[in-house]
Amino acid sequence: MAPDPTTLAARESRSDTLLRRALGGMSIFTMLMTIPQIFTIWVGHQAAGVSVLSWGAYLASALLWLWFGLRQQDKNIAWPCVGWIVLDAAVIVGALIYG
């Protein structure tokens, strides 16, 4: 007996929804985990050990992902990239000022 395509489609749809929610939650979580780094740099004026090269690579990656998300018209890719661009830039600028 062949599998019922409607049941398979429903299962894949639930799986996609769960994955998108997990990815969205992880995006928010990882951005929140970056805030202490920004706080240390901007409030504590301490950027020792912060690699502008590494954070520049993260920024370049976020810009590429944003471009991809916009081309795919996928807000689940594009919106987190906007957040990462802001956070990465805050770290880089702070590291350049206080480093």
PDB file of N, CA and C in Angstrom:
ATOM      1  N   MET A   1       0.841  -1.172   0.000  1.00  0.00           N
ATOM      2  CA  MET A   1       0.000   0.000   0.000  1.00  0.00           C
ATOM      3  C   MET A   1       0.895   1.249   0.000  1.00  0.00           C
ATOM      4  N   ALA A   2       0.618   2.185  -0.877  1.00  0.00           N
ATOM      5  CA  ALA A   2       1.407   3.407  -1.010  1.00  0.00           C
ATOM      6  C   ALA A   2       1.092   4.362   0.140  1.00  0.00           C
ATOM      7  N   PRO A   3       2.086   5.132   0.560  1.00  0.00           N
ATOM      8  CA  PRO A   3       1.824   6.102   1.629  1.00  0.00           C
ATOM      9  C   PRO A   3       0.855   7.178   1.162  1.00  0.00           C
ATOM     10  N   ASP A   4       0.053   7.650   2.094  1.00  0.00           N
ATOM     11  CA  ASP A   4      -0.913   8.713   1.804  1.00  0.00           C
ATOM     12  C   ASP A   4      -0.170  10.039   1.701  1.00  0.00           C
ATOM     13  N   PRO A   5      -0.175  10.687   0.522  1.00  0.00           N
ATOM     14  CA  PRO A   5       0.576  11.934   0.357  1.00  0.00           C
ATOM     15  C   PRO A   5       0.081  13.072   1.242  1.00  0.00           C
ATOM     16  N   THR A   6      -1.191  13.078   1.593  1.00  0.00           N
ATOM     17  CA  THR A   6      -1.702  14.156   2.449  1.00  0.00           C
ATOM     18  C   THR A   6      -1.150  14.028   3.861  1.00  0.00           C
ATOM     19  N   THR A   7      -1.011  12.795   4.344  1.00  0.00           N
ATOM     20  CA  THR A   7      -0.447  12.583   5.673  1.00  0.00           C
ATOM     21  C   THR A   7       1.031  12.961   5.675  1.00  0.00           C
ATOM     22  N   LEU A   8       1.750  12.589   4.633  1.00  0.00           N
ATOM     23  CA  LEU A   8       3.161  12.919   4.523  1.00  0.00           C
ATOM     24  C   LEU A   8       3.363  14.432   4.446  1.00  0.00           C
ATOM     25  N   ALA A   9       2.538  15.115   3.672  1.00  0.00           N
ATOM     26  CA  ALA A   9       2.643  16.575   3.541  1.00  0.00           C
ATOM     27  C   ALA A   9       2.357  17.256   4.871  1.00  0.00           C
ATOM     28  N   ALA A  10       1.369  16.769   5.610  1.00  0.00           N
ATOM     29  CA  ALA A  10       1.041  17.360   6.905  1.00  0.00           C
ATOM     30  C   ALA A  10       2.194  17.171   7.888  1.00  0.00           C
ATOM     31  N   ARG A  11       2.818  15.996   7.872  1.00  0.00           N
ATOM     32  CA  ARG A  11       3.933  15.721   8.766  1.00  0.00           C
ATOM     33  C   ARG A  11       5.121  16.632   8.418  1.00  0.00           C
ATOM     34  N   GLU A  12       5.404  16.797   7.126  1.00  0.00           N
ATOM     35  CA  GLU A  12       6.498  17.672   6.714  1.00  0.00           C
ATOM     36  C   GLU A  12       6.203  19.125   7.077  1.00  0.00           C
ATOM     37  N   SER A  13       4.941  19.526   6.957  1.00  0.00           N
ATOM     38  CA  SER A  13       4.554  20.891   7.297  1.00  0.00           C
ATOM     39  C   SER A  13       4.771  21.154   8.785  1.00  0.00           C
ATOM     40  N   ARG A  14       4.390  20.206   9.632  1.00  0.00           N
ATOM     41  CA  ARG A  14       4.606  20.348  11.080  1.00  0.00           C
ATOM     42  C   ARG A  14       6.092  20.386  11.395  1.00  0.00           C
ATOM     43  N   SER A  15       6.851  19.552  10.710  1.00  0.00           N
ATOM     44  CA  SER A  15       8.284  19.510  10.916  1.00  0.00           C
ATOM     45  C   SER A  15       8.930  20.834  10.498  1.00  0.00           C
ATOM     46  N   ASP A  16       8.499  21.398   9.369  1.00  0.00           N
ATOM     47  CA  ASP A  16       9.022  22.691   8.916  1.00  0.00           C
ATOM     48  C   ASP A  16       8.667  23.793   9.902  1.00  0.00           C
ATOM     49  N   THR A  17       7.441  23.779  10.401  1.00  0.00           N
ATOM     50  CA  THR A  17       7.007  24.784  11.368  1.00  0.00           C
ATOM     51  C   THR A  17       7.846  24.690  12.640  1.00  0.00           C
ATOM     52  N   LEU A  18       8.062  23.482  13.114  1.00  0.00           N
ATOM     53  CA  LEU A  18       8.863  23.278  14.322  1.00  0.00           C
ATOM     54  C   LEU A  18      10.303  23.750  14.099  1.00  0.00           C
ATOM     55  N   LEU A  19      10.859  23.421  12.943  1.00  0.00           N
ATOM     56  CA  LEU A  19      12.225  23.841  12.640  1.00  0.00           C
ATOM     57  C   LEU A  19      12.321  25.360  12.548  1.00  0.00           C
ATOM     58  N   ARG A  20      11.382  26.008  11.898  1.00  0.00           N
ATOM     59  CA  ARG A  20      11.399  27.474  11.783  1.00  0.00           C
ATOM     60  C   ARG A  20      11.282  28.129  13.163  1.00  0.00           C
ATOM     61  N   ARG A  21      10.448  27.565  14.014  1.00  0.00           N
ATOM     62  CA  ARG A  21      10.320  28.116  15.375  1.00  0.00           C
ATOM     63  C   ARG A  21      11.618  27.938  16.160  1.00  0.00           C
ATOM     64  N   ALA A  22      12.230  26.771  16.027  1.00  0.00           N
ATOM     65  CA  ALA A  22      13.494  26.515  16.728  1.00  0.00           C
ATOM     66  C   ALA A  22      14.583  27.451  16.226  1.00  0.00           C
ATOM     67  N   LEU A  23      14.648  27.648  14.915  1.00  0.00           N
ATOM     68  CA  LEU A  23      15.644  28.551  14.353  1.00  0.00           C
ATOM     69  C   LEU A  23      15.406  29.990  14.808  1.00  0.00           C
ATOM     70  N   GLY A  24      14.153  30.416  14.826  1.00  0.00           N
ATOM     71  CA  GLY A  24      13.823  31.762  15.294  1.00  0.00           C
ATOM     72  C   GLY A  24      14.193  31.950  16.754  1.00  0.00           C
ATOM     73  N   GLY A  25      13.877  30.961  17.561  1.00  0.00           N
ATOM     74  CA  GLY A  25      14.222  31.020  18.980  1.00  0.00           C
ATOM     75  C   GLY A  25      15.726  31.046  19.203  1.00  0.00           C
ATOM     76  N   MET A  26      16.440  30.249  18.431  1.00  0.00           N
ATOM     77  CA  MET A  26      17.894  30.223  18.558  1.00  0.00           C
ATOM     78  C   MET A  26      18.513  31.535  18.091  1.00  0.00           C
ATOM     79  N   SER A  27      17.941  32.139  17.071  1.00  0.00           N
ATOM     80  CA  SER A  27      18.433  33.445  16.609  1.00  0.00           C
ATOM     81  C   SER A  27      18.310  34.481  17.718  1.00  0.00           C
ATOM     82  N   ILE A  28      17.157  34.516  18.356  1.00  0.00           N
ATOM     83  CA  ILE A  28      16.947  35.471  19.453  1.00  0.00           C
ATOM     84  C   ILE A  28      17.889  35.167  20.608  1.00  0.00           C
ATOM     85  N   PHE A  29      18.009  33.889  20.961  1.00  0.00           N
ATOM     86  CA  PHE A  29      18.872  33.488  22.065  1.00  0.00           C
ATOM     87  C   PHE A  29      20.321  33.893  21.816  1.00  0.00           C
ATOM     88  N   THR A  30      20.843  33.609  20.629  1.00  0.00           N
ATOM     89  CA  THR A  30      22.245  33.927  20.353  1.00  0.00           C
ATOM     90  C   THR A  30      22.479  35.434  20.281  1.00  0.00           C
ATOM     91  N   MET A  31      21.484  36.179  19.806  1.00  0.00           N
ATOM     92  CA  MET A  31      21.633  37.637  19.817  1.00  0.00           C
ATOM     93  C   MET A  31      21.656  38.161  21.248  1.00  0.00           C
ATOM     94  N   LEU A  32      20.797  37.619  22.097  1.00  0.00           N
ATOM     95  CA  LEU A  32      20.794  38.021  23.508  1.00  0.00           C
ATOM     96  C   LEU A  32      22.112  37.685  24.184  1.00  0.00           C
ATOM     97  N   MET A  33      22.740  36.586  23.780  1.00  0.00           N
ATOM     98  CA  MET A  33      24.023  36.191  24.359  1.00  0.00           C
ATOM     99  C   MET A  33      25.151  37.112  23.907  1.00  0.00           C
ATOM    100  N   THR A  34      24.937  37.905  22.869  1.00  0.00           N
ATOM    101  CA  THR A  34      25.947  38.843  22.383  1.00  0.00           C
ATOM    102  C   THR A  34      25.869  40.172  23.125  1.00  0.00           C
ATOM    103  N   ILE A  35      24.743  40.469  23.714  1.00  0.00           N
ATOM    104  CA  ILE A  35      24.562  41.748  24.400  1.00  0.00           C
ATOM    105  C   ILE A  35      25.567  41.970  25.533  1.00  0.00           C
ATOM    106  N   PRO A  36      25.926  40.962  26.346  1.00  0.00           N
ATOM    107  CA  PRO A  36      26.947  41.211  27.370  1.00  0.00           C
ATOM    108  C   PRO A  36      28.297  41.658  26.778  1.00  0.00           C
ATOM    109  N   GLN A  37      28.648  41.139  25.608  1.00  0.00           N
ATOM    110  CA  GLN A  37      29.896  41.567  24.948  1.00  0.00           C
ATOM    111  C   GLN A  37      29.814  43.052  24.587  1.00  0.00           C
ATOM    112  N   ILE A  38      28.682  43.452  24.047  1.00  0.00           N
ATOM    113  CA  ILE A  38      28.480  44.854  23.679  1.00  0.00           C
ATOM    114  C   ILE A  38      28.468  45.735  24.927  1.00  0.00           C
ATOM    115  N   PHE A  39      27.815  45.258  25.972  1.00  0.00           N
ATOM    116  CA  PHE A  39      27.764  45.990  27.243  1.00  0.00           C
ATOM    117  C   PHE A  39      29.171  46.201  27.800  1.00  0.00           C
ATOM    118  N   THR A  40      29.986  45.151  27.781  1.00  0.00           N
ATOM    119  CA  THR A  40      31.361  45.243  28.281  1.00  0.00           C
ATOM    120  C   THR A  40      32.155  46.274  27.494  1.00  0.00           C
ATOM    121  N   ILE A  41      31.971  46.263  26.190  1.00  0.00           N
ATOM    122  CA  ILE A  41      32.729  47.205  25.355  1.00  0.00           C
ATOM    123  C   ILE A  41      32.245  48.632  25.546  1.00  0.00           C
ATOM    124  N   TRP A  42      30.954  48.855  25.423  1.00  0.00           N
ATOM    125  CA  TRP A  42      30.437  50.227  25.397  1.00  0.00           C
ATOM    126  C   TRP A  42      30.274  50.858  26.772  1.00  0.00           C
ATOM    127  N   VAL A  43      29.899  50.072  27.773  1.00  0.00           N
ATOM    128  CA  VAL A  43      29.712  50.633  29.116  1.00  0.00           C
ATOM    129  C   VAL A  43      31.005  50.538  29.926  1.00  0.00           C
ATOM    130  N   GLY A  44      31.672  49.387  29.823  1.00  0.00           N
ATOM    131  CA  GLY A  44      32.913  49.201  30.570  1.00  0.00           C
ATOM    132  C   GLY A  44      34.136  49.724  29.854  1.00  0.00           C
ATOM    133  N   HIS A  45      33.982  50.128  28.604  1.00  0.00           N
ATOM    134  CA  HIS A  45      35.094  50.643  27.804  1.00  0.00           C
ATOM    135  C   HIS A  45      36.253  49.650  27.759  1.00  0.00           C
ATOM    136  N   GLN A  46      35.896  48.361  27.670  1.00  0.00           N
ATOM    137  CA  GLN A  46      36.893  47.305  27.637  1.00  0.00           C
ATOM    138  C   GLN A  46      36.701  46.461  26.381  1.00  0.00           C
ATOM    139  N   ALA A  47      37.676  46.538  25.488  1.00  0.00           N
ATOM    140  CA  ALA A  47      37.600  45.746  24.259  1.00  0.00           C
ATOM    141  C   ALA A  47      38.823  44.855  24.098  1.00  0.00           C
ATOM    142  N   ALA A  48      39.575  44.672  25.180  1.00  0.00           N
ATOM    143  CA  ALA A  48      40.765  43.826  25.118  1.00  0.00           C
ATOM    144  C   ALA A  48      40.361  42.402  24.740  1.00  0.00           C
ATOM    145  N   GLY A  49      41.064  41.853  23.787  1.00  0.00           N
ATOM    146  CA  GLY A  49      40.799  40.480  23.366  1.00  0.00           C
ATOM    147  C   GLY A  49      39.704  40.333  22.331  1.00  0.00           C
ATOM    148  N   VAL A  50      39.053  41.422  21.968  1.00  0.00           N
ATOM    149  CA  VAL A  50      38.001  41.364  20.956  1.00  0.00           C
ATOM    150  C   VAL A  50      38.664  41.435  19.582  1.00  0.00           C
ATOM    151  N   SER A  51      38.407  40.453  18.762  1.00  0.00           N
ATOM    152  CA  SER A  51      39.008  40.397  17.430  1.00  0.00           C
ATOM    153  C   SER A  51      38.106  41.088  16.414  1.00  0.00           C
ATOM    154  N   VAL A  52      38.567  42.228  15.916  1.00  0.00           N
ATOM    155  CA  VAL A  52      37.821  42.944  14.882  1.00  0.00           C
ATOM    156  C   VAL A  52      37.745  42.091  13.618  1.00  0.00           C
ATOM    157  N   LEU A  53      38.799  41.319  13.356  1.00  0.00           N
ATOM    158  CA  LEU A  53      38.804  40.442  12.187  1.00  0.00           C
ATOM    159  C   LEU A  53      37.694  39.384  12.287  1.00  0.00           C
ATOM    160  N   SER A  54      37.565  38.757  13.440  1.00  0.00           N
ATOM    161  CA  SER A  54      36.521  37.747  13.630  1.00  0.00           C
ATOM    162  C   SER A  54      35.128  38.360  13.513  1.00  0.00           C
ATOM    163  N   TRP A  55      34.920  39.469  14.217  1.00  0.00           N
ATOM    164  CA  TRP A  55      33.604  40.110  14.170  1.00  0.00           C
ATOM    165  C   TRP A  55      33.318  40.665  12.783  1.00  0.00           C
ATOM    166  N   GLY A  56      34.359  41.080  12.061  1.00  0.00           N
ATOM    167  CA  GLY A  56      34.180  41.511  10.674  1.00  0.00           C
ATOM    168  C   GLY A  56      33.725  40.355   9.790  1.00  0.00           C
ATOM    169  N   ALA A  57      34.260  39.169  10.048  1.00  0.00           N
ATOM    170  CA  ALA A  57      33.818  37.980   9.304  1.00  0.00           C
ATOM    171  C   ALA A  57      32.358  37.663   9.617  1.00  0.00           C
ATOM    172  N   TYR A  58      31.974  37.797  10.894  1.00  0.00           N
ATOM    173  CA  TYR A  58      30.564  37.573  11.259  1.00  0.00           C
ATOM    174  C   TYR A  58      29.657  38.584  10.557  1.00  0.00           C
ATOM    175  N   LEU A  59      30.123  39.837  10.483  1.00  0.00           N
ATOM    176  CA  LEU A  59      29.350  40.877   9.808  1.00  0.00           C
ATOM    177  C   LEU A  59      29.220  40.566   8.318  1.00  0.00           C
ATOM    178  N   ALA A  60      30.312  40.172   7.679  1.00  0.00           N
ATOM    179  CA  ALA A  60      30.264  39.817   6.255  1.00  0.00           C
ATOM    180  C   ALA A  60      29.299  38.652   6.025  1.00  0.00           C
ATOM    181  N   SER A  61      29.326  37.672   6.920  1.00  0.00           N
ATOM    182  CA  SER A  61      28.412  36.533   6.811  1.00  0.00           C
ATOM    183  C   SER A  61      26.955  36.977   6.940  1.00  0.00           C
ATOM    184  N   ALA A  62      26.690  37.846   7.912  1.00  0.00           N
ATOM    185  CA  ALA A  62      25.320  38.337   8.106  1.00  0.00           C
ATOM    186  C   ALA A  62      24.839  39.118   6.880  1.00  0.00           C
ATOM    187  N   LEU A  63      25.731  39.896   6.276  1.00  0.00           N
ATOM    188  CA  LEU A  63      25.356  40.644   5.073  1.00  0.00           C
ATOM    189  C   LEU A  63      25.026  39.700   3.918  1.00  0.00           C
ATOM    190  N   LEU A  64      25.830  38.645   3.759  1.00  0.00           N
ATOM    191  CA  LEU A  64      25.546  37.664   2.706  1.00  0.00           C
ATOM    192  C   LEU A  64      24.233  36.926   2.952  1.00  0.00           C
ATOM    193  N   TRP A  65      24.000  36.545   4.212  1.00  0.00           N
ATOM    194  CA  TRP A  65      22.748  35.866   4.542  1.00  0.00           C
ATOM    195  C   TRP A  65      21.547  36.787   4.344  1.00  0.00           C
ATOM    196  N   LEU A  66      21.721  38.076   4.661  1.00  0.00           N
ATOM    197  CA  LEU A  66      20.644  39.036   4.432  1.00  0.00           C
ATOM    198  C   LEU A  66      20.324  39.113   2.947  1.00  0.00           C
ATOM    199  N   TRP A  67      21.348  39.223   2.141  1.00  0.00           N
ATOM    200  CA  TRP A  67      21.164  39.273   0.691  1.00  0.00           C
ATOM    201  C   TRP A  67      20.432  38.024   0.210  1.00  0.00           C
ATOM    202  N   PHE A  68      20.857  36.863   0.688  1.00  0.00           N
ATOM    203  CA  PHE A  68      20.206  35.609   0.317  1.00  0.00           C
ATOM    204  C   PHE A  68      18.750  35.591   0.780  1.00  0.00           C
ATOM    205  N   GLY A  69      18.512  36.010   2.020  1.00  0.00           N
ATOM    206  CA  GLY A  69      17.147  36.017   2.550  1.00  0.00           C
ATOM    207  C   GLY A  69      16.232  36.939   1.766  1.00  0.00           C
ATOM    208  N   LEU A  70      16.755  38.096   1.367  1.00  0.00           N
ATOM    209  CA  LEU A  70      15.954  39.017   0.563  1.00  0.00           C
ATOM    210  C   LEU A  70      15.674  38.439  -0.821  1.00  0.00           C
ATOM    211  N   ARG A  71      16.680  37.810  -1.420  1.00  0.00           N
ATOM    212  CA  ARG A  71      16.485  37.200  -2.745  1.00  0.00           C
ATOM    213  C   ARG A  71      15.465  36.062  -2.691  1.00  0.00           C
ATOM    214  N   GLN A  72      15.466  35.326  -1.581  1.00  0.00           N
ATOM    215  CA  GLN A  72      14.523  34.215  -1.408  1.00  0.00           C
ATOM    216  C   GLN A  72      13.170  34.700  -0.893  1.00  0.00           C
ATOM    217  N   GLN A  73      13.107  35.970  -0.555  1.00  0.00           N
ATOM    218  CA  GLN A  73      11.916  36.561   0.055  1.00  0.00           C
ATOM    219  C   GLN A  73      11.500  35.780   1.308  1.00  0.00           C
ATOM    220  N   ASP A  74      12.522  35.462   2.117  1.00  0.00           N
ATOM    221  CA  ASP A  74      12.314  34.689   3.337  1.00  0.00           C
ATOM    222  C   ASP A  74      12.628  35.565   4.541  1.00  0.00           C
ATOM    223  N   LYS A  75      11.572  36.034   5.180  1.00  0.00           N
ATOM    224  CA  LYS A  75      11.753  36.923   6.334  1.00  0.00           C
ATOM    225  C   LYS A  75      12.396  36.203   7.510  1.00  0.00           C
ATOM    226  N   ASN A  76      12.283  34.871   7.568  1.00  0.00           N
ATOM    227  CA  ASN A  76      12.907  34.115   8.653  1.00  0.00           C
ATOM    228  C   ASN A  76      14.424  34.081   8.526  1.00  0.00           C
ATOM    229  N   ILE A  77      14.926  34.372   7.359  1.00  0.00           N
ATOM    230  CA  ILE A  77      16.370  34.506   7.174  1.00  0.00           C
ATOM    231  C   ILE A  77      16.762  35.969   7.284  1.00  0.00           C
ATOM    232  N   ALA A  78      16.023  36.839   6.622  1.00  0.00           N
ATOM    233  CA  ALA A  78      16.407  38.247   6.511  1.00  0.00           C
ATOM    234  C   ALA A  78      16.356  38.988   7.852  1.00  0.00           C
ATOM    235  N   TRP A  79      15.280  38.859   8.603  1.00  0.00           N
ATOM    236  CA  TRP A  79      15.141  39.656   9.835  1.00  0.00           C
ATOM    237  C   TRP A  79      16.212  39.368  10.873  1.00  0.00           C
ATOM    238  N   PRO A  80      16.536  38.102  11.145  1.00  0.00           N
ATOM    239  CA  PRO A  80      17.633  37.876  12.096  1.00  0.00           C
ATOM    240  C   PRO A  80      18.953  38.474  11.619  1.00  0.00           C
ATOM    241  N   CYS A  81      19.162  38.485  10.310  1.00  0.00           N
ATOM    242  CA  CYS A  81      20.398  39.064   9.771  1.00  0.00           C
ATOM    243  C   CYS A  81      20.474  40.554  10.066  1.00  0.00           C
ATOM    244  N   VAL A  82      19.367  41.236  10.025  1.00  0.00           N
ATOM    245  CA  VAL A  82      19.357  42.660  10.363  1.00  0.00           C
ATOM    246  C   VAL A  82      19.820  42.840  11.805  1.00  0.00           C
ATOM    247  N   GLY A  83      19.309  42.014  12.690  1.00  0.00           N
ATOM    248  CA  GLY A  83      19.738  42.065  14.095  1.00  0.00           C
ATOM    249  C   GLY A  83      21.224  41.786  14.236  1.00  0.00           C
ATOM    250  N   TRP A  84      21.707  40.776  13.520  1.00  0.00           N
ATOM    251  CA  TRP A  84      23.132  40.448  13.599  1.00  0.00           C
ATOM    252  C   TRP A  84      24.004  41.541  13.026  1.00  0.00           C
ATOM    253  N   ILE A  85      23.557  42.184  11.972  1.00  0.00           N
ATOM    254  CA  ILE A  85      24.332  43.282  11.388  1.00  0.00           C
ATOM    255  C   ILE A  85      24.493  44.401  12.416  1.00  0.00           C
ATOM    256  N   VAL A  86      23.421  44.744  13.104  1.00  0.00           N
ATOM    257  CA  VAL A  86      23.473  45.791  14.133  1.00  0.00           C
ATOM    258  C   VAL A  86      24.407  45.383  15.265  1.00  0.00           C
ATOM    259  N   LEU A  87      24.267  44.155  15.754  1.00  0.00           N
ATOM    260  CA  LEU A  87      25.093  43.697  16.871  1.00  0.00           C
ATOM    261  C   LEU A  87      26.564  43.592  16.478  1.00  0.00           C
ATOM    262  N   ASP A  88      26.827  43.007  15.317  1.00  0.00           N
ATOM    263  CA  ASP A  88      28.208  42.872  14.863  1.00  0.00           C
ATOM    264  C   ASP A  88      28.859  44.243  14.688  1.00  0.00           C
ATOM    265  N   ALA A  89      28.127  45.171  14.098  1.00  0.00           N
ATOM    266  CA  ALA A  89      28.663  46.529  13.901  1.00  0.00           C
ATOM    267  C   ALA A  89      28.935  47.202  15.242  1.00  0.00           C
ATOM    268  N   ALA A  90      28.060  46.987  16.230  1.00  0.00           N
ATOM    269  CA  ALA A  90      28.271  47.582  17.553  1.00  0.00           C
ATOM    270  C   ALA A  90      29.552  47.058  18.188  1.00  0.00           C
ATOM    271  N   VAL A  91      29.816  45.773  18.041  1.00  0.00           N
ATOM    272  CA  VAL A  91      31.045  45.201  18.588  1.00  0.00           C
ATOM    273  C   VAL A  91      32.259  45.758  17.848  1.00  0.00           C
ATOM    274  N   ILE A  92      32.193  45.791  16.531  1.00  0.00           N
ATOM    275  CA  ILE A  92      33.340  46.254  15.736  1.00  0.00           C
ATOM    276  C   ILE A  92      33.663  47.722  16.030  1.00  0.00           C
ATOM    277  N   VAL A  93      32.653  48.567  15.998  1.00  0.00           N
ATOM    278  CA  VAL A  93      32.897  49.987  16.253  1.00  0.00           C
ATOM    279  C   VAL A  93      33.411  50.192  17.677  1.00  0.00           C
ATOM    280  N   GLY A  94      32.817  49.513  18.632  1.00  0.00           N
ATOM    281  CA  GLY A  94      33.292  49.631  20.019  1.00  0.00           C
ATOM    282  C   GLY A  94      34.706  49.130  20.180  1.00  0.00           C
ATOM    283  N   ALA A  95      35.054  48.040  19.518  1.00  0.00           N
ATOM    284  CA  ALA A  95      36.412  47.504  19.599  1.00  0.00           C
ATOM    285  C   ALA A  95      37.423  48.464  18.978  1.00  0.00           C
ATOM    286  N   LEU A  96      37.021  49.124  17.912  1.00  0.00           N
ATOM    287  CA  LEU A  96      37.915  50.092  17.280  1.00  0.00           C
ATOM    288  C   LEU A  96      38.106  51.339  18.155  1.00  0.00           C
ATOM    289  N   ILE A  97      37.058  51.731  18.843  1.00  0.00           N
ATOM    290  CA  ILE A  97      37.149  52.928  19.708  1.00  0.00           C
ATOM    291  C   ILE A  97      37.895  52.624  21.001  1.00  0.00           C
ATOM    292  N   TYR A  98      37.551  51.506  21.655  1.00  0.00           N
ATOM    293  CA  TYR A  98      38.076  51.214  22.990  1.00  0.00           C
ATOM    294  C   TYR A  98      39.175  50.169  23.005  1.00  0.00           C
ATOM    295  N   GLY A  99      39.544  49.656  21.842  1.00  0.00           N
ATOM    296  CA  GLY A  99      40.544  48.574  21.783  1.00  0.00           C
ATOM    297  C   GLY A  99      41.957  49.012  21.786  1.00  0.00           C
TER     298      GLY A  99
END
